[in-house]
Amino acid sequence: AVNGQYWVLFLVGLGFGLVTIPAEPSVHILTQQIESETAGSIKAL
């Protein structure tokens, strides 16, 4: 922000958003339960 590199700021923010979900333990718990409860019709991935 100080350097005024706003396009890089958006790019890094976009990257953070994409990689945060696979790294979130709670997401894996929820997606696995979704796939299990729906007998695989809704895939965790």
Full PDB file with SEQRES, HELIX, SHEET, SSBOND, CRYST1, ORIGX, SCALE, CONECT and MASTER records, all heavy atoms in Angstrom:
SEQRES   1 A   45  ALA VAL ASN GLY GLN TYR TRP VAL LEU PHE LEU VAL GLY          
SEQRES   2 A   45  LEU GLY PHE GLY LEU VAL THR ILE PRO ALA GLU PRO SER          
SEQRES   3 A   45  VAL HIS ILE LEU THR GLN GLN ILE GLU SER GLU THR ALA          
SEQRES   4 A   45  GLY SER ILE LYS ALA LEU                                      
HELIX    1 AA1 TYR A    6  ALA A   23  1                                  18    
HELIX    2 AA2 PRO A   25  GLU A   37  1                                  13    
CRYST1    1.000    1.000    1.000  90.00  90.00  90.00 P 1           1          
ORIGX1      1.000000  0.000000  0.000000        0.00000                         
ORIGX2      0.000000  1.000000  0.000000        0.00000                         
ORIGX3      0.000000  0.000000  1.000000        0.00000                         
SCALE1      1.000000  0.000000  0.000000        0.00000                         
SCALE2      0.000000  1.000000  0.000000        0.00000                         
SCALE3      0.000000  0.000000  1.000000        0.00000                         
ATOM      1  N   ALA A   1       0.824  -1.206   0.000  1.00  0.00           N  
ATOM      2  CA  ALA A   1       0.000   0.000   0.000  1.00  0.00           C  
ATOM      3  C   ALA A   1       0.858   1.256   0.000  1.00  0.00           C  
ATOM      4  O   ALA A   1       0.563   2.237  -0.696  1.00  0.00           O  
ATOM      5  CB  ALA A   1      -0.930  -0.003   1.213  1.00  0.00           C  
ATOM      6  N   VAL A   2       1.946   1.245   0.768  1.00  0.00           N  
ATOM      7  CA  VAL A   2       2.838   2.407   0.844  1.00  0.00           C  
ATOM      8  C   VAL A   2       3.477   2.690  -0.510  1.00  0.00           C  
ATOM      9  O   VAL A   2       3.594   3.843  -0.945  1.00  0.00           O  
ATOM     10  CB  VAL A   2       3.923   2.176   1.922  1.00  0.00           C  
ATOM     11  CG1 VAL A   2       5.030   3.210   1.790  1.00  0.00           C  
ATOM     12  CG2 VAL A   2       3.312   2.266   3.303  1.00  0.00           C  
ATOM     13  N   ASN A   3       3.870   1.645  -1.208  1.00  0.00           N  
ATOM     14  CA  ASN A   3       4.528   1.810  -2.505  1.00  0.00           C  
ATOM     15  C   ASN A   3       3.551   2.093  -3.645  1.00  0.00           C  
ATOM     16  O   ASN A   3       3.980   2.312  -4.783  1.00  0.00           O  
ATOM     17  CB  ASN A   3       5.339   0.548  -2.841  1.00  0.00           C  
ATOM     18  CG  ASN A   3       6.490   0.333  -1.879  1.00  0.00           C  
ATOM     19  OD1 ASN A   3       6.984   1.283  -1.263  1.00  0.00           O  
ATOM     20  ND2 ASN A   3       6.925  -0.911  -1.727  1.00  0.00           N  
ATOM     21  N   GLY A   4       2.261   2.064  -3.340  1.00  0.00           N  
ATOM     22  CA  GLY A   4       1.266   2.333  -4.371  1.00  0.00           C  
ATOM     23  C   GLY A   4       1.141   1.236  -5.413  1.00  0.00           C  
ATOM     24  O   GLY A   4       0.598   1.469  -6.502  1.00  0.00           O  
ATOM     25  N   GLN A   5       1.605   0.035  -5.087  1.00  0.00           N  
ATOM     26  CA  GLN A   5       1.534  -1.088  -6.029  1.00  0.00           C  
ATOM     27  C   GLN A   5       0.179  -1.793  -5.878  1.00  0.00           C  
ATOM     28  O   GLN A   5       0.082  -2.933  -5.410  1.00  0.00           O  
ATOM     29  CB  GLN A   5       2.685  -2.064  -5.778  1.00  0.00           C  
ATOM     30  CG  GLN A   5       4.060  -1.450  -5.984  1.00  0.00           C  
ATOM     31  CD  GLN A   5       5.171  -2.388  -5.561  1.00  0.00           C  
ATOM     32  OE1 GLN A   5       5.129  -3.000  -4.500  1.00  0.00           O  
ATOM     33  NE2 GLN A   5       6.179  -2.517  -6.409  1.00  0.00           N  
ATOM     34  N   TYR A   6      -0.870  -1.104  -6.283  1.00  0.00           N  
ATOM     35  CA  TYR A   6      -2.211  -1.603  -6.016  1.00  0.00           C  
ATOM     36  C   TYR A   6      -2.538  -2.849  -6.828  1.00  0.00           C  
ATOM     37  O   TYR A   6      -3.273  -3.724  -6.363  1.00  0.00           O  
ATOM     38  CB  TYR A   6      -3.242  -0.503  -6.280  1.00  0.00           C  
ATOM     39  CG  TYR A   6      -3.085   0.697  -5.365  1.00  0.00           C  
ATOM     40  CD1 TYR A   6      -3.295   1.983  -5.823  1.00  0.00           C  
ATOM     41  CD2 TYR A   6      -2.717   0.513  -4.031  1.00  0.00           C  
ATOM     42  CE1 TYR A   6      -3.142   3.081  -4.980  1.00  0.00           C  
ATOM     43  CE2 TYR A   6      -2.567   1.595  -3.181  1.00  0.00           C  
ATOM     44  CZ  TYR A   6      -2.777   2.883  -3.662  1.00  0.00           C  
ATOM     45  OH  TYR A   6      -2.617   3.959  -2.819  1.00  0.00           O  
ATOM     46  N   TRP A   7      -2.016  -2.939  -8.033  1.00  0.00           N  
ATOM     47  CA  TRP A   7      -2.295  -4.141  -8.827  1.00  0.00           C  
ATOM     48  C   TRP A   7      -1.644  -5.359  -8.197  1.00  0.00           C  
ATOM     49  O   TRP A   7      -2.214  -6.463  -8.211  1.00  0.00           O  
ATOM     50  CB  TRP A   7      -1.827  -3.944 -10.267  1.00  0.00           C  
ATOM     51  CG  TRP A   7      -0.325  -3.893 -10.435  1.00  0.00           C  
ATOM     52  CD1 TRP A   7       0.466  -2.797 -10.327  1.00  0.00           C  
ATOM     53  CD2 TRP A   7       0.534  -4.993 -10.725  1.00  0.00           C  
ATOM     54  NE1 TRP A   7       1.785  -3.129 -10.538  1.00  0.00           N  
ATOM     55  CE2 TRP A   7       1.847  -4.488 -10.794  1.00  0.00           C  
ATOM     56  CE3 TRP A   7       0.334  -6.351 -10.948  1.00  0.00           C  
ATOM     57  CZ2 TRP A   7       2.950  -5.284 -11.057  1.00  0.00           C  
ATOM     58  CZ3 TRP A   7       1.433  -7.160 -11.217  1.00  0.00           C  
ATOM     59  CH2 TRP A   7       2.725  -6.615 -11.270  1.00  0.00           C  
ATOM     60  N   VAL A   8      -0.464  -5.168  -7.595  1.00  0.00           N  
ATOM     61  CA  VAL A   8       0.186  -6.267  -6.880  1.00  0.00           C  
ATOM     62  C   VAL A   8      -0.596  -6.593  -5.608  1.00  0.00           C  
ATOM     63  O   VAL A   8      -0.738  -7.759  -5.222  1.00  0.00           O  
ATOM     64  CB  VAL A   8       1.648  -5.914  -6.541  1.00  0.00           C  
ATOM     65  CG1 VAL A   8       2.323  -7.077  -5.813  1.00  0.00           C  
ATOM     66  CG2 VAL A   8       2.421  -5.551  -7.793  1.00  0.00           C  
ATOM     67  N   LEU A   9      -1.119  -5.546  -4.970  1.00  0.00           N  
ATOM     68  CA  LEU A   9      -1.939  -5.732  -3.767  1.00  0.00           C  
ATOM     69  C   LEU A   9      -3.147  -6.618  -4.073  1.00  0.00           C  
ATOM     70  O   LEU A   9      -3.450  -7.561  -3.327  1.00  0.00           O  
ATOM     71  CB  LEU A   9      -2.389  -4.374  -3.238  1.00  0.00           C  
ATOM     72  CG  LEU A   9      -3.146  -4.357  -1.902  1.00  0.00           C  
ATOM     73  CD1 LEU A   9      -2.208  -4.722  -0.759  1.00  0.00           C  
ATOM     74  CD2 LEU A   9      -3.758  -2.987  -1.659  1.00  0.00           C  
ATOM     75  N   PHE A  10      -3.812  -6.329  -5.189  1.00  0.00           N  
ATOM     76  CA  PHE A  10      -4.962  -7.142  -5.589  1.00  0.00           C  
ATOM     77  C   PHE A  10      -4.532  -8.568  -5.938  1.00  0.00           C  
ATOM     78  O   PHE A  10      -5.227  -9.534  -5.603  1.00  0.00           O  
ATOM     79  CB  PHE A  10      -5.674  -6.497  -6.782  1.00  0.00           C  
ATOM     80  CG  PHE A  10      -6.626  -5.411  -6.398  1.00  0.00           C  
ATOM     81  CD1 PHE A  10      -6.270  -4.073  -6.521  1.00  0.00           C  
ATOM     82  CD2 PHE A  10      -7.883  -5.715  -5.904  1.00  0.00           C  
ATOM     83  CE1 PHE A  10      -7.147  -3.071  -6.168  1.00  0.00           C  
ATOM     84  CE2 PHE A  10      -8.771  -4.717  -5.548  1.00  0.00           C  
ATOM     85  CZ  PHE A  10      -8.407  -3.390  -5.685  1.00  0.00           C  
ATOM     86  N   LEU A  11      -3.404  -8.688  -6.615  1.00  0.00           N  
ATOM     87  CA  LEU A  11      -2.926 -10.007  -7.032  1.00  0.00           C  
ATOM     88  C   LEU A  11      -2.578 -10.870  -5.822  1.00  0.00           C  
ATOM     89  O   LEU A  11      -2.938 -12.048  -5.758  1.00  0.00           O  
ATOM     90  CB  LEU A  11      -1.710  -9.849  -7.942  1.00  0.00           C  
ATOM     91  CG  LEU A  11      -1.235 -11.101  -8.683  1.00  0.00           C  
ATOM     92  CD1 LEU A  11      -2.323 -11.618  -9.606  1.00  0.00           C  
ATOM     93  CD2 LEU A  11       0.037 -10.802  -9.465  1.00  0.00           C  
ATOM     94  N   VAL A  12      -1.873 -10.265  -4.854  1.00  0.00           N  
ATOM     95  CA  VAL A  12      -1.512 -11.000  -3.636  1.00  0.00           C  
ATOM     96  C   VAL A  12      -2.773 -11.349  -2.842  1.00  0.00           C  
ATOM     97  O   VAL A  12      -2.911 -12.466  -2.317  1.00  0.00           O  
ATOM     98  CB  VAL A  12      -0.540 -10.173  -2.775  1.00  0.00           C  
ATOM     99  CG1 VAL A  12      -0.298 -10.854  -1.428  1.00  0.00           C  
ATOM    100  CG2 VAL A  12       0.788  -9.993  -3.505  1.00  0.00           C  
ATOM    101  N   GLY A  13      -3.712 -10.392  -2.756  1.00  0.00           N  
ATOM    102  CA  GLY A  13      -4.966 -10.665  -2.061  1.00  0.00           C  
ATOM    103  C   GLY A  13      -5.743 -11.793  -2.703  1.00  0.00           C  
ATOM    104  O   GLY A  13      -6.308 -12.654  -2.018  1.00  0.00           O  
ATOM    105  N   LEU A  14      -5.765 -11.823  -4.029  1.00  0.00           N  
ATOM    106  CA  LEU A  14      -6.425 -12.904  -4.756  1.00  0.00           C  
ATOM    107  C   LEU A  14      -5.759 -14.244  -4.446  1.00  0.00           C  
ATOM    108  O   LEU A  14      -6.438 -15.263  -4.229  1.00  0.00           O  
ATOM    109  CB  LEU A  14      -6.379 -12.617  -6.254  1.00  0.00           C  
ATOM    110  CG  LEU A  14      -7.155 -13.564  -7.167  1.00  0.00           C  
ATOM    111  CD1 LEU A  14      -8.649 -13.409  -6.953  1.00  0.00           C  
ATOM    112  CD2 LEU A  14      -6.808 -13.298  -8.629  1.00  0.00           C  
ATOM    113  N   GLY A  15      -4.430 -14.239  -4.416  1.00  0.00           N  
ATOM    114  CA  GLY A  15      -3.702 -15.461  -4.084  1.00  0.00           C  
ATOM    115  C   GLY A  15      -3.969 -15.933  -2.668  1.00  0.00           C  
ATOM    116  O   GLY A  15      -4.170 -17.132  -2.425  1.00  0.00           O  
ATOM    117  N   PHE A  16      -3.991 -14.990  -1.715  1.00  0.00           N  
ATOM    118  CA  PHE A  16      -4.312 -15.340  -0.334  1.00  0.00           C  
ATOM    119  C   PHE A  16      -5.688 -15.987  -0.248  1.00  0.00           C  
ATOM    120  O   PHE A  16      -5.887 -16.976   0.472  1.00  0.00           O  
ATOM    121  CB  PHE A  16      -4.275 -14.087   0.549  1.00  0.00           C  
ATOM    122  CG  PHE A  16      -2.920 -13.799   1.124  1.00  0.00           C  
ATOM    123  CD1 PHE A  16      -2.701 -12.666   1.899  1.00  0.00           C  
ATOM    124  CD2 PHE A  16      -1.857 -14.649   0.924  1.00  0.00           C  
ATOM    125  CE1 PHE A  16      -1.457 -12.387   2.435  1.00  0.00           C  
ATOM    126  CE2 PHE A  16      -0.606 -14.394   1.454  1.00  0.00           C  
ATOM    127  CZ  PHE A  16      -0.406 -13.257   2.215  1.00  0.00           C  
ATOM    128  N   GLY A  17      -6.656 -15.414  -0.972  1.00  0.00           N  
ATOM    129  CA  GLY A  17      -7.999 -15.957  -0.936  1.00  0.00           C  
ATOM    130  C   GLY A  17      -8.080 -17.376  -1.473  1.00  0.00           C  
ATOM    131  O   GLY A  17      -8.800 -18.222  -0.940  1.00  0.00           O  
ATOM    132  N   LEU A  18      -7.321 -17.652  -2.523  1.00  0.00           N  
ATOM    133  CA  LEU A  18      -7.356 -18.975  -3.145  1.00  0.00           C  
ATOM    134  C   LEU A  18      -6.687 -20.041  -2.285  1.00  0.00           C  
ATOM    135  O   LEU A  18      -7.159 -21.180  -2.221  1.00  0.00           O  
ATOM    136  CB  LEU A  18      -6.689 -18.924  -4.527  1.00  0.00           C  
ATOM    137  CG  LEU A  18      -7.451 -18.176  -5.630  1.00  0.00           C  
ATOM    138  CD1 LEU A  18      -6.600 -18.061  -6.888  1.00  0.00           C  
ATOM    139  CD2 LEU A  18      -8.766 -18.881  -5.953  1.00  0.00           C  
ATOM    140  N   VAL A  19      -5.568 -19.687  -1.636  1.00  0.00           N  
ATOM    141  CA  VAL A  19      -4.809 -20.703  -0.898  1.00  0.00           C  
ATOM    142  C   VAL A  19      -5.271 -20.849   0.547  1.00  0.00           C  
ATOM    143  O   VAL A  19      -4.942 -21.847   1.199  1.00  0.00           O  
ATOM    144  CB  VAL A  19      -3.295 -20.376  -0.919  1.00  0.00           C  
ATOM    145  CG1 VAL A  19      -2.783 -20.295  -2.343  1.00  0.00           C  
ATOM    146  CG2 VAL A  19      -2.984 -19.078  -0.169  1.00  0.00           C  
ATOM    147  N   THR A  20      -6.041 -19.879   1.065  1.00  0.00           N  
ATOM    148  CA  THR A  20      -6.472 -19.953   2.453  1.00  0.00           C  
ATOM    149  C   THR A  20      -7.443 -21.105   2.669  1.00  0.00           C  
ATOM    150  O   THR A  20      -7.367 -21.814   3.681  1.00  0.00           O  
ATOM    151  CB  THR A  20      -7.128 -18.627   2.887  1.00  0.00           C  
ATOM    152  OG1 THR A  20      -6.156 -17.585   2.855  1.00  0.00           O  
ATOM    153  CG2 THR A  20      -7.678 -18.736   4.300  1.00  0.00           C  
ATOM    154  N   ILE A  21      -8.362 -21.309   1.734  1.00  0.00           N  
ATOM    155  CA  ILE A  21      -9.385 -22.344   1.904  1.00  0.00           C  
ATOM    156  C   ILE A  21      -8.786 -23.745   1.979  1.00  0.00           C  
ATOM    157  O   ILE A  21      -9.111 -24.519   2.898  1.00  0.00           O  
ATOM    158  CB  ILE A  21     -10.431 -22.232   0.785  1.00  0.00           C  
ATOM    159  CG1 ILE A  21     -11.285 -20.987   0.981  1.00  0.00           C  
ATOM    160  CG2 ILE A  21     -11.322 -23.471   0.752  1.00  0.00           C  
ATOM    161  CD1 ILE A  21     -12.027 -20.928   2.295  1.00  0.00           C  
ATOM    162  N   PRO A  22      -7.903 -24.154   1.064  1.00  0.00           N  
ATOM    163  CA  PRO A  22      -7.316 -25.498   1.201  1.00  0.00           C  
ATOM    164  C   PRO A  22      -6.497 -25.660   2.481  1.00  0.00           C  
ATOM    165  O   PRO A  22      -6.315 -26.786   2.958  1.00  0.00           O  
ATOM    166  CB  PRO A  22      -6.406 -25.618  -0.036  1.00  0.00           C  
ATOM    167  CG  PRO A  22      -6.981 -24.657  -1.019  1.00  0.00           C  
ATOM    168  CD  PRO A  22      -7.486 -23.519  -0.203  1.00  0.00           C  
ATOM    169  N   ALA A  23      -5.999 -24.547   3.037  1.00  0.00           N  
ATOM    170  CA  ALA A  23      -5.193 -24.621   4.258  1.00  0.00           C  
ATOM    171  C   ALA A  23      -6.032 -24.566   5.526  1.00  0.00           C  
ATOM    172  O   ALA A  23      -5.501 -24.756   6.618  1.00  0.00           O  
ATOM    173  CB  ALA A  23      -4.169 -23.480   4.274  1.00  0.00           C  
ATOM    174  N   GLU A  24      -7.334 -24.308   5.399  1.00  0.00           N  
ATOM    175  CA  GLU A  24      -8.214 -24.192   6.565  1.00  0.00           C  
ATOM    176  C   GLU A  24      -8.666 -25.581   7.011  1.00  0.00           C  
ATOM    177  O   GLU A  24      -9.371 -26.276   6.278  1.00  0.00           O  
ATOM    178  CB  GLU A  24      -9.431 -23.332   6.209  1.00  0.00           C  
ATOM    179  CG  GLU A  24     -10.470 -23.217   7.297  1.00  0.00           C  
ATOM    180  CD  GLU A  24      -9.935 -22.518   8.538  1.00  0.00           C  
ATOM    181  OE1 GLU A  24      -9.558 -21.342   8.437  1.00  0.00           O  
ATOM    182  OE2 GLU A  24      -9.904 -23.184   9.605  1.00  0.00           O  
ATOM    183  N   PRO A  25      -8.291 -26.021   8.225  1.00  0.00           N  
ATOM    184  CA  PRO A  25      -8.676 -27.373   8.679  1.00  0.00           C  
ATOM    185  C   PRO A  25     -10.190 -27.576   8.722  1.00  0.00           C  
ATOM    186  O   PRO A  25     -10.688 -28.651   8.396  1.00  0.00           O  
ATOM    187  CB  PRO A  25      -8.055 -27.455  10.081  1.00  0.00           C  
ATOM    188  CG  PRO A  25      -6.972 -26.430  10.094  1.00  0.00           C  
ATOM    189  CD  PRO A  25      -7.440 -25.320   9.198  1.00  0.00           C  
ATOM    190  N   SER A  26     -10.925 -26.545   9.133  1.00  0.00           N  
ATOM    191  CA  SER A  26     -12.372 -26.683   9.261  1.00  0.00           C  
ATOM    192  C   SER A  26     -13.042 -26.947   7.925  1.00  0.00           C  
ATOM    193  O   SER A  26     -14.077 -27.622   7.853  1.00  0.00           O  
ATOM    194  CB  SER A  26     -12.958 -25.407   9.881  1.00  0.00           C  
ATOM    195  OG  SER A  26     -12.394 -25.154  11.138  1.00  0.00           O  
ATOM    196  N   VAL A  27     -12.473 -26.417   6.843  1.00  0.00           N  
ATOM    197  CA  VAL A  27     -13.043 -26.630   5.514  1.00  0.00           C  
ATOM    198  C   VAL A  27     -12.973 -28.111   5.143  1.00  0.00           C  
ATOM    199  O   VAL A  27     -13.918 -28.674   4.585  1.00  0.00           O  
ATOM    200  CB  VAL A  27     -12.308 -25.769   4.465  1.00  0.00           C  
ATOM    201  CG1 VAL A  27     -12.741 -26.156   3.059  1.00  0.00           C  
ATOM    202  CG2 VAL A  27     -12.579 -24.301   4.710  1.00  0.00           C  
ATOM    203  N   HIS A  28     -11.860 -28.749   5.460  1.00  0.00           N  
ATOM    204  CA  HIS A  28     -11.718 -30.175   5.148  1.00  0.00           C  
ATOM    205  C   HIS A  28     -12.736 -31.002   5.934  1.00  0.00           C  
ATOM    206  O   HIS A  28     -13.308 -31.968   5.408  1.00  0.00           O  
ATOM    207  CB  HIS A  28     -10.300 -30.644   5.474  1.00  0.00           C  
ATOM    208  CG  HIS A  28      -9.257 -30.105   4.548  1.00  0.00           C  
ATOM    209  ND1 HIS A  28      -8.906 -30.737   3.376  1.00  0.00           N  
ATOM    210  CD2 HIS A  28      -8.501 -28.976   4.605  1.00  0.00           C  
ATOM    211  CE1 HIS A  28      -7.969 -30.033   2.760  1.00  0.00           C  
ATOM    212  NE2 HIS A  28      -7.705 -28.957   3.482  1.00  0.00           N  
ATOM    213  N   ILE A  29     -12.979 -30.617   7.180  1.00  0.00           N  
ATOM    214  CA  ILE A  29     -13.961 -31.343   7.996  1.00  0.00           C  
ATOM    215  C   ILE A  29     -15.350 -31.218   7.377  1.00  0.00           C  
ATOM    216  O   ILE A  29     -16.081 -32.202   7.229  1.00  0.00           O  
ATOM    217  CB  ILE A  29     -13.958 -30.798   9.436  1.00  0.00           C  
ATOM    218  CG1 ILE A  29     -12.606 -31.073  10.101  1.00  0.00           C  
ATOM    219  CG2 ILE A  29     -15.078 -31.439  10.254  1.00  0.00           C  
ATOM    220  CD1 ILE A  29     -12.435 -30.406  11.442  1.00  0.00           C  
ATOM    221  N   LEU A  30     -15.716 -29.988   6.991  1.00  0.00           N  
ATOM    222  CA  LEU A  30     -17.047 -29.765   6.424  1.00  0.00           C  
ATOM    223  C   LEU A  30     -17.210 -30.465   5.075  1.00  0.00           C  
ATOM    224  O   LEU A  30     -18.211 -31.145   4.840  1.00  0.00           O  
ATOM    225  CB  LEU A  30     -17.298 -28.267   6.269  1.00  0.00           C  
ATOM    226  CG  LEU A  30     -18.632 -27.894   5.608  1.00  0.00           C  
ATOM    227  CD1 LEU A  30     -19.802 -28.358   6.460  1.00  0.00           C  
ATOM    228  CD2 LEU A  30     -18.712 -26.389   5.361  1.00  0.00           C  
ATOM    229  N   THR A  31     -16.234 -30.302   4.183  1.00  0.00           N  
ATOM    230  CA  THR A  31     -16.371 -30.891   2.842  1.00  0.00           C  
ATOM    231  C   THR A  31     -16.401 -32.414   2.896  1.00  0.00           C  
ATOM    232  O   THR A  31     -17.142 -33.050   2.130  1.00  0.00           O  
ATOM    233  CB  THR A  31     -15.225 -30.422   1.930  1.00  0.00           C  
ATOM    234  OG1 THR A  31     -13.957 -30.716   2.555  1.00  0.00           O  
ATOM    235  CG2 THR A  31     -15.311 -28.931   1.668  1.00  0.00           C  
ATOM    236  N   GLN A  32     -15.639 -32.992   3.802  1.00  0.00           N  
ATOM    237  CA  GLN A  32     -15.673 -34.449   3.938  1.00  0.00           C  
ATOM    238  C   GLN A  32     -17.021 -34.922   4.465  1.00  0.00           C  
ATOM    239  O   GLN A  32     -17.551 -35.955   4.021  1.00  0.00           O  
ATOM    240  CB  GLN A  32     -14.543 -34.911   4.863  1.00  0.00           C  
ATOM    241  CG  GLN A  32     -13.162 -34.798   4.232  1.00  0.00           C  
ATOM    242  CD  GLN A  32     -12.045 -35.036   5.228  1.00  0.00           C  
ATOM    243  OE1 GLN A  32     -12.281 -35.433   6.371  1.00  0.00           O  
ATOM    244  NE2 GLN A  32     -10.810 -34.768   4.815  1.00  0.00           N  
ATOM    245  N   GLN A  33     -17.603 -34.163   5.393  1.00  0.00           N  
ATOM    246  CA  GLN A  33     -18.919 -34.540   5.901  1.00  0.00           C  
ATOM    247  C   GLN A  33     -19.983 -34.372   4.819  1.00  0.00           C  
ATOM    248  O   GLN A  33     -20.914 -35.179   4.731  1.00  0.00           O  
ATOM    249  CB  GLN A  33     -19.292 -33.703   7.126  1.00  0.00           C  
ATOM    250  CG  GLN A  33     -20.671 -34.066   7.673  1.00  0.00           C  
ATOM    251  CD  GLN A  33     -20.883 -33.599   9.090  1.00  0.00           C  
ATOM    252  OE1 GLN A  33     -19.938 -33.399   9.846  1.00  0.00           O  
ATOM    253  NE2 GLN A  33     -22.132 -33.403   9.457  1.00  0.00           N  
ATOM    254  N   ILE A  34     -19.846 -33.329   3.996  1.00  0.00           N  
ATOM    255  CA  ILE A  34     -20.801 -33.130   2.901  1.00  0.00           C  
ATOM    256  C   ILE A  34     -20.777 -34.328   1.958  1.00  0.00           C  
ATOM    257  O   ILE A  34     -21.820 -34.875   1.593  1.00  0.00           O  
ATOM    258  CB  ILE A  34     -20.480 -31.828   2.134  1.00  0.00           C  
ATOM    259  CG1 ILE A  34     -20.790 -30.608   3.006  1.00  0.00           C  
ATOM    260  CG2 ILE A  34     -21.282 -31.753   0.835  1.00  0.00           C  
ATOM    261  CD1 ILE A  34     -20.313 -29.303   2.414  1.00  0.00           C  
ATOM    262  N   GLU A  35     -19.580 -34.748   1.566  1.00  0.00           N  
ATOM    263  CA  GLU A  35     -19.457 -35.890   0.651  1.00  0.00           C  
ATOM    264  C   GLU A  35     -19.963 -37.170   1.299  1.00  0.00           C  
ATOM    265  O   GLU A  35     -20.614 -37.998   0.646  1.00  0.00           O  
ATOM    266  CB  GLU A  35     -18.006 -36.059   0.208  1.00  0.00           C  
ATOM    267  CG  GLU A  35     -17.813 -37.166  -0.816  1.00  0.00           C  
ATOM    268  CD  GLU A  35     -16.442 -37.122  -1.470  1.00  0.00           C  
ATOM    269  OE1 GLU A  35     -15.791 -36.057  -1.441  1.00  0.00           O  
ATOM    270  OE2 GLU A  35     -16.029 -38.163  -2.016  1.00  0.00           O  
ATOM    271  N   SER A  36     -19.704 -37.323   2.601  1.00  0.00           N  
ATOM    272  CA  SER A  36     -20.138 -38.527   3.301  1.00  0.00           C  
ATOM    273  C   SER A  36     -21.653 -38.564   3.456  1.00  0.00           C  
ATOM    274  O   SER A  36     -22.294 -39.591   3.201  1.00  0.00           O  
ATOM    275  CB  SER A  36     -19.469 -38.590   4.680  1.00  0.00           C  
ATOM    276  OG  SER A  36     -19.967 -39.671   5.437  1.00  0.00           O  
ATOM    277  N   GLU A  37     -22.249 -37.447   3.880  1.00  0.00           N  
ATOM    278  CA  GLU A  37     -23.694 -37.400   4.126  1.00  0.00           C  
ATOM    279  C   GLU A  37     -24.493 -37.543   2.835  1.00  0.00           C  
ATOM    280  O   GLU A  37     -25.631 -38.012   2.854  1.00  0.00           O  
ATOM    281  CB  GLU A  37     -24.067 -36.092   4.826  1.00  0.00           C  
ATOM    282  CG  GLU A  37     -23.546 -35.961   6.247  1.00  0.00           C  
ATOM    283  CD  GLU A  37     -24.330 -36.818   7.224  1.00  0.00           C  
ATOM    284  OE1 GLU A  37     -25.443 -37.249   6.888  1.00  0.00           O  
ATOM    285  OE2 GLU A  37     -23.810 -37.077   8.330  1.00  0.00           O  
ATOM    286  N   THR A  38     -23.926 -37.090   1.719  1.00  0.00           N  
ATOM    287  CA  THR A  38     -24.645 -37.162   0.439  1.00  0.00           C  
ATOM    288  C   THR A  38     -24.241 -38.377  -0.393  1.00  0.00           C  
ATOM    289  O   THR A  38     -24.563 -38.440  -1.581  1.00  0.00           O  
ATOM    290  CB  THR A  38     -24.396 -35.883  -0.378  1.00  0.00           C  
ATOM    291  OG1 THR A  38     -22.996 -35.744  -0.649  1.00  0.00           O  
ATOM    292  CG2 THR A  38     -24.896 -34.655   0.367  1.00  0.00           C  
ATOM    293  N   ALA A  39     -23.534 -39.313   0.231  1.00  0.00           N  
ATOM    294  CA  ALA A  39     -23.106 -40.548  -0.435  1.00  0.00           C  
ATOM    295  C   ALA A  39     -22.307 -40.273  -1.703  1.00  0.00           C  
ATOM    296  O   ALA A  39     -22.401 -40.996  -2.689  1.00  0.00           O  
ATOM    297  CB  ALA A  39     -24.315 -41.419  -0.764  1.00  0.00           C  
ATOM    298  N   GLY A  40     -21.516 -39.199  -1.668  1.00  0.00           N  
ATOM    299  CA  GLY A  40     -20.625 -38.894  -2.783  1.00  0.00           C  
ATOM    300  C   GLY A  40     -21.254 -38.123  -3.919  1.00  0.00           C  
ATOM    301  O   GLY A  40     -20.561 -37.806  -4.897  1.00  0.00           O  
ATOM    302  N   SER A  41     -22.553 -37.790  -3.824  1.00  0.00           N  
ATOM    303  CA  SER A  41     -23.181 -37.058  -4.920  1.00  0.00           C  
ATOM    304  C   SER A  41     -22.697 -35.600  -4.986  1.00  0.00           C  
ATOM    305  O   SER A  41     -22.711 -34.982  -6.054  1.00  0.00           O  
ATOM    306  CB  SER A  41     -24.705 -37.082  -4.767  1.00  0.00           C  
ATOM    307  OG  SER A  41     -25.102 -36.500  -3.546  1.00  0.00           O  
ATOM    308  N   ILE A  42     -22.276 -35.052  -3.852  1.00  0.00           N  
ATOM    309  CA  ILE A  42     -21.678 -33.711  -3.821  1.00  0.00           C  
ATOM    310  C   ILE A  42     -20.221 -33.893  -3.415  1.00  0.00           C  
ATOM    311  O   ILE A  42     -19.919 -34.197  -2.260  1.00  0.00           O  
ATOM    312  CB  ILE A  42     -22.406 -32.779  -2.828  1.00  0.00           C  
ATOM    313  CG1 ILE A  42     -23.886 -32.690  -3.169  1.00  0.00           C  
ATOM    314  CG2 ILE A  42     -21.775 -31.391  -2.842  1.00  0.00           C  
ATOM    315  CD1 ILE A  42     -24.694 -31.879  -2.170  1.00  0.00           C  
ATOM    316  N   LYS A  43     -19.319 -33.715  -4.357  1.00  0.00           N  
ATOM    317  CA  LYS A  43     -17.908 -34.004  -4.131  1.00  0.00           C  
ATOM    318  C   LYS A  43     -17.249 -32.933  -3.257  1.00  0.00           C  
ATOM    319  O   LYS A  43     -17.507 -31.743  -3.407  1.00  0.00           O  
ATOM    320  CB  LYS A  43     -17.170 -34.100  -5.462  1.00  0.00           C  
ATOM    321  CG  LYS A  43     -17.673 -35.216  -6.377  1.00  0.00           C  
ATOM    322  CD  LYS A  43     -17.469 -36.579  -5.734  1.00  0.00           C  
ATOM    323  CE  LYS A  43     -17.905 -37.696  -6.683  1.00  0.00           C  
ATOM    324  NZ  LYS A  43     -17.770 -39.035  -6.042  1.00  0.00           N  
ATOM    325  N   ALA A  44     -16.371 -33.390  -2.354  1.00  0.00           N  
ATOM    326  CA  ALA A  44     -15.668 -32.481  -1.454  1.00  0.00           C  
ATOM    327  C   ALA A  44     -14.781 -31.515  -2.230  1.00  0.00           C  
ATOM    328  O   ALA A  44     -14.715 -30.324  -1.902  1.00  0.00           O  
ATOM    329  CB  ALA A  44     -14.831 -33.287  -0.453  1.00  0.00           C  
ATOM    330  N   LEU A  45     -14.103 -32.001  -3.262  1.00  0.00           N  
ATOM    331  CA  LEU A  45     -13.205 -31.151  -4.042  1.00  0.00           C  
ATOM    332  C   LEU A  45     -13.970 -30.038  -4.740  1.00  0.00           C  
ATOM    333  O   LEU A  45     -13.507 -28.896  -4.798  1.00  0.00           O  
ATOM    334  CB  LEU A  45     -12.440 -31.991  -5.063  1.00  0.00           C  
ATOM    335  CG  LEU A  45     -11.441 -31.245  -5.947  1.00  0.00           C  
ATOM    336  CD1 LEU A  45     -10.376 -30.569  -5.091  1.00  0.00           C  
ATOM    337  CD2 LEU A  45     -10.802 -32.178  -6.969  1.00  0.00           C  
TER     338      LEU A  45                                                      
MASTER        0    0    0    2    0    0    0    6  337    1    0    4          
END                                                                             
